[in-house]
């Protein structure tokens, strides 16, 4: 089977997000929502992660206690 390279702008990121003490919701995010989560709450000197290195930023800066990447389709 031939592998199809879908542009990052067309991918769907399936994310589990914790709301409150124990309520988790599964959401579909765009790359812009993922980048907003990765790049939020940093100093003015911060250099934003982008569409090519978002995964590195996600693994480094997004707390899995509150937000978990389930799948990218």
PDB file of N, CA and C in Angstrom:
ATOM      1  N   UNK A   1       0.837  -1.162   0.000  1.00  0.00           N
ATOM      2  CA  UNK A   1       0.000   0.000   0.000  1.00  0.00           C
ATOM      3  C   UNK A   1       0.889   1.236   0.000  1.00  0.00           C
ATOM      4  N   UNK A   2       0.515   2.229  -0.786  1.00  0.00           N
ATOM      5  CA  UNK A   2       1.280   3.466  -0.909  1.00  0.00           C
ATOM      6  C   UNK A   2       0.958   4.404   0.253  1.00  0.00           C
ATOM      7  N   UNK A   3       2.006   4.933   0.891  1.00  0.00           N
ATOM      8  CA  UNK A   3       1.829   5.859   2.003  1.00  0.00           C
ATOM      9  C   UNK A   3       1.508   7.248   1.457  1.00  0.00           C
ATOM     10  N   UNK A   4       0.463   7.858   1.989  1.00  0.00           N
ATOM     11  CA  UNK A   4       0.056   9.194   1.569  1.00  0.00           C
ATOM     12  C   UNK A   4       0.560  10.203   2.592  1.00  0.00           C
ATOM     13  N   UNK A   5       1.256  11.211   2.125  1.00  0.00           N
ATOM     14  CA  UNK A   5       1.727  12.276   3.011  1.00  0.00           C
ATOM     15  C   UNK A   5       0.704  13.389   3.041  1.00  0.00           C
ATOM     16  N   UNK A   6      -0.071  13.449   4.095  1.00  0.00           N
ATOM     17  CA  UNK A   6      -1.077  14.488   4.266  1.00  0.00           C
ATOM     18  C   UNK A   6      -0.406  15.739   4.803  1.00  0.00           C
ATOM     19  N   UNK A   7      -0.679  16.887   4.196  1.00  0.00           N
ATOM     20  CA  UNK A   7      -0.104  18.130   4.728  1.00  0.00           C
ATOM     21  C   UNK A   7      -0.523  18.340   6.181  1.00  0.00           C
ATOM     22  N   UNK A   8       0.363  18.908   6.972  1.00  0.00           N
ATOM     23  CA  UNK A   8       0.110  19.101   8.407  1.00  0.00           C
ATOM     24  C   UNK A   8      -1.156  19.921   8.654  1.00  0.00           C
ATOM     25  N   UNK A   9      -1.471  20.847   7.763  1.00  0.00           N
ATOM     26  CA  UNK A   9      -2.657  21.688   7.926  1.00  0.00           C
ATOM     27  C   UNK A   9      -3.947  20.883   7.813  1.00  0.00           C
ATOM     28  N   UNK A  10      -3.885  19.716   7.187  1.00  0.00           N
ATOM     29  CA  UNK A  10      -5.066  18.879   6.994  1.00  0.00           C
ATOM     30  C   UNK A  10      -5.172  17.745   8.009  1.00  0.00           C
ATOM     31  N   UNK A  11      -4.171  17.583   8.845  1.00  0.00           N
ATOM     32  CA  UNK A  11      -4.188  16.505   9.836  1.00  0.00           C
ATOM     33  C   UNK A  11      -5.151  16.842  10.980  1.00  0.00           C
ATOM     34  N   UNK A  12      -5.664  15.800  11.597  1.00  0.00           N
ATOM     35  CA  UNK A  12      -6.508  15.931  12.774  1.00  0.00           C
ATOM     36  C   UNK A  12      -5.737  15.349  13.947  1.00  0.00           C
ATOM     37  N   UNK A  13      -5.650  16.113  15.018  1.00  0.00           N
ATOM     38  CA  UNK A  13      -4.944  15.696  16.225  1.00  0.00           C
ATOM     39  C   UNK A  13      -6.004  15.313  17.251  1.00  0.00           C
ATOM     40  N   UNK A  14      -6.003  14.064  17.657  1.00  0.00           N
ATOM     41  CA  UNK A  14      -6.969  13.593  18.647  1.00  0.00           C
ATOM     42  C   UNK A  14      -6.291  13.702  20.009  1.00  0.00           C
ATOM     43  N   UNK A  15      -6.896  14.530  20.865  1.00  0.00           N
ATOM     44  CA  UNK A  15      -6.278  14.910  22.130  1.00  0.00           C
ATOM     45  C   UNK A  15      -7.270  14.677  23.268  1.00  0.00           C
ATOM     46  N   UNK A  16      -6.791  14.136  24.374  1.00  0.00           N
ATOM     47  CA  UNK A  16      -7.595  14.036  25.592  1.00  0.00           C
ATOM     48  C   UNK A  16      -7.202  15.196  26.497  1.00  0.00           C
ATOM     49  N   UNK A  17      -8.213  15.943  26.942  1.00  0.00           N
ATOM     50  CA  UNK A  17      -7.978  17.122  27.765  1.00  0.00           C
ATOM     51  C   UNK A  17      -8.720  16.955  29.089  1.00  0.00           C
ATOM     52  N   UNK A  18      -8.015  17.221  30.189  1.00  0.00           N
ATOM     53  CA  UNK A  18      -8.615  17.093  31.513  1.00  0.00           C
ATOM     54  C   UNK A  18      -9.243  18.415  31.917  1.00  0.00           C
ATOM     55  N   UNK A  19     -10.514  18.356  32.269  1.00  0.00           N
ATOM     56  CA  UNK A  19     -11.248  19.517  32.775  1.00  0.00           C
ATOM     57  C   UNK A  19     -11.690  19.211  34.198  1.00  0.00           C
ATOM     58  N   UNK A  20     -11.350  20.062  35.123  1.00  0.00           N
ATOM     59  CA  UNK A  20     -11.727  19.825  36.513  1.00  0.00           C
ATOM     60  C   UNK A  20     -10.907  18.709  37.129  1.00  0.00           C
ATOM     61  N   UNK A  21     -11.463  18.098  38.170  1.00  0.00           N
ATOM     62  CA  UNK A  21     -10.723  17.087  38.919  1.00  0.00           C
ATOM     63  C   UNK A  21     -10.574  15.759  38.194  1.00  0.00           C
ATOM     64  N   UNK A  22     -11.601  15.315  37.491  1.00  0.00           N
ATOM     65  CA  UNK A  22     -11.523  13.979  36.908  1.00  0.00           C
ATOM     66  C   UNK A  22     -12.227  13.854  35.563  1.00  0.00           C
ATOM     67  N   UNK A  23     -12.670  14.949  34.993  1.00  0.00           N
ATOM     68  CA  UNK A  23     -13.400  14.878  33.724  1.00  0.00           C
ATOM     69  C   UNK A  23     -12.454  15.050  32.546  1.00  0.00           C
ATOM     70  N   UNK A  24     -12.355  14.018  31.721  1.00  0.00           N
ATOM     71  CA  UNK A  24     -11.549  14.051  30.504  1.00  0.00           C
ATOM     72  C   UNK A  24     -12.471  14.125  29.303  1.00  0.00           C
ATOM     73  N   UNK A  25     -12.088  14.901  28.308  1.00  0.00           N
ATOM     74  CA  UNK A  25     -12.837  14.992  27.053  1.00  0.00           C
ATOM     75  C   UNK A  25     -11.881  14.714  25.897  1.00  0.00           C
ATOM     76  N   UNK A  26     -12.335  13.943  24.942  1.00  0.00           N
ATOM     77  CA  UNK A  26     -11.552  13.688  23.737  1.00  0.00           C
ATOM     78  C   UNK A  26     -11.969  14.725  22.709  1.00  0.00           C
ATOM     79  N   UNK A  27     -10.976  15.450  22.188  1.00  0.00           N
ATOM     80  CA  UNK A  27     -11.245  16.544  21.260  1.00  0.00           C
ATOM     81  C   UNK A  27     -10.420  16.364  19.993  1.00  0.00           C
ATOM     82  N   UNK A  28     -10.891  16.978  18.928  1.00  0.00           N
ATOM     83  CA  UNK A  28     -10.168  17.016  17.655  1.00  0.00           C
ATOM     84  C   UNK A  28      -9.578  18.403  17.512  1.00  0.00           C
ATOM     85  N   UNK A  29      -8.260  18.486  17.415  1.00  0.00           N
ATOM     86  CA  UNK A  29      -7.569  19.768  17.312  1.00  0.00           C
ATOM     87  C   UNK A  29      -6.917  19.909  15.948  1.00  0.00           C
ATOM     88  N   UNK A  30      -6.775  21.148  15.526  1.00  0.00           N
ATOM     89  CA  UNK A  30      -6.000  21.480  14.331  1.00  0.00           C
ATOM     90  C   UNK A  30      -4.546  21.704  14.748  1.00  0.00           C
ATOM     91  N   UNK A  31      -3.666  21.839  13.772  1.00  0.00           N
ATOM     92  CA  UNK A  31      -2.261  22.136  14.082  1.00  0.00           C
ATOM     93  C   UNK A  31      -2.160  23.466  14.820  1.00  0.00           C
ATOM     94  N   UNK A  32      -3.024  24.422  14.516  1.00  0.00           N
ATOM     95  CA  UNK A  32      -2.978  25.712  15.216  1.00  0.00           C
ATOM     96  C   UNK A  32      -3.299  25.565  16.696  1.00  0.00           C
ATOM     97  N   UNK A  33      -4.259  24.719  17.028  1.00  0.00           N
ATOM     98  CA  UNK A  33      -4.577  24.477  18.439  1.00  0.00           C
ATOM     99  C   UNK A  33      -3.422  23.777  19.153  1.00  0.00           C
ATOM    100  N   UNK A  34      -2.802  22.833  18.473  1.00  0.00           N
ATOM    101  CA  UNK A  34      -1.643  22.148  19.054  1.00  0.00           C
ATOM    102  C   UNK A  34      -0.522  23.150  19.319  1.00  0.00           C
ATOM    103  N   UNK A  35      -0.229  23.991  18.340  1.00  0.00           N
ATOM    104  CA  UNK A  35       0.838  24.983  18.496  1.00  0.00           C
ATOM    105  C   UNK A  35       0.512  25.991  19.590  1.00  0.00           C
ATOM    106  N   UNK A  36      -0.744  26.377  19.710  1.00  0.00           N
ATOM    107  CA  UNK A  36      -1.132  27.283  20.797  1.00  0.00           C
ATOM    108  C   UNK A  36      -0.847  26.657  22.157  1.00  0.00           C
ATOM    109  N   UNK A  37      -1.132  25.378  22.300  1.00  0.00           N
ATOM    110  CA  UNK A  37      -0.873  24.684  23.569  1.00  0.00           C
ATOM    111  C   UNK A  37       0.618  24.578  23.848  1.00  0.00           C
ATOM    112  N   UNK A  38       1.387  24.246  22.830  1.00  0.00           N
ATOM    113  CA  UNK A  38       2.838  24.084  22.996  1.00  0.00           C
ATOM    114  C   UNK A  38       3.497  25.422  23.342  1.00  0.00           C
ATOM    115  N   UNK A  39       3.056  26.490  22.717  1.00  0.00           N
ATOM    116  CA  UNK A  39       3.748  27.780  22.817  1.00  0.00           C
ATOM    117  C   UNK A  39       3.174  28.739  23.863  1.00  0.00           C
ATOM    118  N   UNK A  40       2.148  28.340  24.594  1.00  0.00           N
ATOM    119  CA  UNK A  40       1.535  29.275  25.548  1.00  0.00           C
ATOM    120  C   UNK A  40       2.355  29.379  26.837  1.00  0.00           C
ATOM    121  N   UNK A  41       2.167  30.487  27.524  1.00  0.00           N
ATOM    122  CA  UNK A  41       2.743  30.701  28.856  1.00  0.00           C
ATOM    123  C   UNK A  41       4.266  30.671  28.908  1.00  0.00           C
ATOM    124  N   UNK A  42       4.908  31.284  27.927  1.00  0.00           N
ATOM    125  CA  UNK A  42       6.364  31.376  27.929  1.00  0.00           C
ATOM    126  C   UNK A  42       6.774  32.844  27.918  1.00  0.00           C
ATOM    127  N   UNK A  43       8.016  33.116  28.191  1.00  0.00           N
ATOM    128  CA  UNK A  43       8.524  34.485  28.269  1.00  0.00           C
ATOM    129  C   UNK A  43       8.584  35.134  26.889  1.00  0.00           C
ATOM    130  N   UNK A  44       8.846  36.428  26.869  1.00  0.00           N
ATOM    131  CA  UNK A  44       8.942  37.190  25.622  1.00  0.00           C
ATOM    132  C   UNK A  44      10.101  36.717  24.759  1.00  0.00           C
ATOM    133  N   UNK A  45      11.108  36.125  25.364  1.00  0.00           N
ATOM    134  CA  UNK A  45      12.269  35.642  24.622  1.00  0.00           C
ATOM    135  C   UNK A  45      12.025  34.286  23.950  1.00  0.00           C
ATOM    136  N   UNK A  46      10.901  33.690  24.242  1.00  0.00           N
ATOM    137  CA  UNK A  46      10.544  32.375  23.733  1.00  0.00           C
ATOM    138  C   UNK A  46      10.493  32.383  22.205  1.00  0.00           C
ATOM    139  N   UNK A  47      11.034  31.358  21.576  1.00  0.00           N
ATOM    140  CA  UNK A  47      10.921  31.172  20.129  1.00  0.00           C
ATOM    141  C   UNK A  47       9.911  30.048  19.914  1.00  0.00           C
ATOM    142  N   UNK A  48       8.804  30.375  19.249  1.00  0.00           N
ATOM    143  CA  UNK A  48       7.716  29.417  19.074  1.00  0.00           C
ATOM    144  C   UNK A  48       8.133  28.183  18.286  1.00  0.00           C
ATOM    145  N   UNK A  49       7.575  27.041  18.709  1.00  0.00           N
ATOM    146  CA  UNK A  49       7.660  25.839  17.899  1.00  0.00           C
ATOM    147  C   UNK A  49       6.716  26.028  16.717  1.00  0.00           C
ATOM    148  N   UNK A  50       6.983  25.327  15.628  1.00  0.00           N
ATOM    149  CA  UNK A  50       6.183  25.469  14.418  1.00  0.00           C
ATOM    150  C   UNK A  50       5.690  24.136  13.903  1.00  0.00           C
ATOM    151  N   UNK A  51       5.260  24.138  12.660  1.00  0.00           N
ATOM    152  CA  UNK A  51       4.664  22.956  12.047  1.00  0.00           C
ATOM    153  C   UNK A  51       5.657  21.825  11.811  1.00  0.00           C
ATOM    154  N   UNK A  52       6.932  22.111  11.837  1.00  0.00           N
ATOM    155  CA  UNK A  52       7.916  21.057  11.604  1.00  0.00           C
ATOM    156  C   UNK A  52       8.475  20.442  12.884  1.00  0.00           C
ATOM    157  N   UNK A  53       8.426  21.185  13.985  1.00  0.00           N
ATOM    158  CA  UNK A  53       9.008  20.673  15.230  1.00  0.00           C
ATOM    159  C   UNK A  53       8.008  20.636  16.389  1.00  0.00           C
ATOM    160  N   UNK A  54       6.713  20.660  16.061  1.00  0.00           N
ATOM    161  CA  UNK A  54       5.675  20.697  17.082  1.00  0.00           C
ATOM    162  C   UNK A  54       5.759  19.518  18.046  1.00  0.00           C
ATOM    163  N   UNK A  55       6.110  18.319  17.535  1.00  0.00           N
ATOM    164  CA  UNK A  55       6.136  17.132  18.386  1.00  0.00           C
ATOM    165  C   UNK A  55       7.194  17.261  19.478  1.00  0.00           C
ATOM    166  N   UNK A  56       8.348  17.787  19.130  1.00  0.00           N
ATOM    167  CA  UNK A  56       9.394  18.023  20.125  1.00  0.00           C
ATOM    168  C   UNK A  56       8.876  18.968  21.210  1.00  0.00           C
ATOM    169  N   UNK A  57       8.211  20.031  20.792  1.00  0.00           N
ATOM    170  CA  UNK A  57       7.640  20.980  21.745  1.00  0.00           C
ATOM    171  C   UNK A  57       6.558  20.358  22.601  1.00  0.00           C
ATOM    172  N   UNK A  58       5.725  19.532  21.984  1.00  0.00           N
ATOM    173  CA  UNK A  58       4.649  18.859  22.732  1.00  0.00           C
ATOM    174  C   UNK A  58       5.251  17.967  23.812  1.00  0.00           C
ATOM    175  N   UNK A  59       6.216  17.156  23.428  1.00  0.00           N
ATOM    176  CA  UNK A  59       6.840  16.227  24.377  1.00  0.00           C
ATOM    177  C   UNK A  59       7.560  16.955  25.510  1.00  0.00           C
ATOM    178  N   UNK A  60       8.116  18.123  25.218  1.00  0.00           N
ATOM    179  CA  UNK A  60       8.890  18.873  26.215  1.00  0.00           C
ATOM    180  C   UNK A  60       8.014  19.735  27.128  1.00  0.00           C
ATOM    181  N   UNK A  61       6.962  20.363  26.582  1.00  0.00           N
ATOM    182  CA  UNK A  61       6.276  21.427  27.315  1.00  0.00           C
ATOM    183  C   UNK A  61       4.826  21.169  27.700  1.00  0.00           C
ATOM    184  N   UNK A  62       4.185  20.161  27.129  1.00  0.00           N
ATOM    185  CA  UNK A  62       2.774  19.917  27.440  1.00  0.00           C
ATOM    186  C   UNK A  62       2.693  18.861  28.538  1.00  0.00           C
ATOM    187  N   UNK A  63       2.013  19.215  29.626  1.00  0.00           N
ATOM    188  CA  UNK A  63       1.921  18.355  30.803  1.00  0.00           C
ATOM    189  C   UNK A  63       0.928  17.219  30.550  1.00  0.00           C
ATOM    190  N   UNK A  64       1.388  15.960  30.530  1.00  0.00           N
ATOM    191  CA  UNK A  64       0.490  14.833  30.249  1.00  0.00           C
ATOM    192  C   UNK A  64      -0.533  14.566  31.353  1.00  0.00           C
ATOM    193  N   UNK A  65      -0.376  15.252  32.469  1.00  0.00           N
ATOM    194  CA  UNK A  65      -1.385  15.108  33.526  1.00  0.00           C
ATOM    195  C   UNK A  65      -2.686  15.795  33.129  1.00  0.00           C
ATOM    196  N   UNK A  66      -2.603  16.752  32.185  1.00  0.00           N
ATOM    197  CA  UNK A  66      -3.776  17.526  31.791  1.00  0.00           C
ATOM    198  C   UNK A  66      -4.129  17.422  30.307  1.00  0.00           C
ATOM    199  N   UNK A  67      -3.183  17.084  29.470  1.00  0.00           N
ATOM    200  CA  UNK A  67      -3.409  17.024  28.028  1.00  0.00           C
ATOM    201  C   UNK A  67      -2.582  15.881  27.440  1.00  0.00           C
ATOM    202  N   UNK A  68      -3.237  14.970  26.718  1.00  0.00           N
ATOM    203  CA  UNK A  68      -2.558  13.798  26.181  1.00  0.00           C
ATOM    204  C   UNK A  68      -2.856  13.674  24.682  1.00  0.00           C
ATOM    205  N   UNK A  69      -1.814  13.558  23.876  1.00  0.00           N
ATOM    206  CA  UNK A  69      -1.976  13.321  22.439  1.00  0.00           C
ATOM    207  C   UNK A  69      -2.286  11.840  22.261  1.00  0.00           C
ATOM    208  N   UNK A  70      -3.427  11.542  21.659  1.00  0.00           N
ATOM    209  CA  UNK A  70      -3.820  10.159  21.453  1.00  0.00           C
ATOM    210  C   UNK A  70      -3.385   9.663  20.078  1.00  0.00           C
ATOM    211  N   UNK A  71      -3.660  10.465  19.064  1.00  0.00           N
ATOM    212  CA  UNK A  71      -3.345  10.031  17.703  1.00  0.00           C
ATOM    213  C   UNK A  71      -3.331  11.242  16.778  1.00  0.00           C
ATOM    214  N   UNK A  72      -2.587  11.128  15.688  1.00  0.00           N
ATOM    215  CA  UNK A  72      -2.572  12.130  14.629  1.00  0.00           C
ATOM    216  C   UNK A  72      -3.011  11.435  13.359  1.00  0.00           C
ATOM    217  N   UNK A  73      -4.103  11.935  12.766  1.00  0.00           N
ATOM    218  CA  UNK A  73      -4.594  11.290  11.529  1.00  0.00           C
ATOM    219  C   UNK A  73      -4.739  12.313  10.424  1.00  0.00           C
TER     220      UNK A  73
END
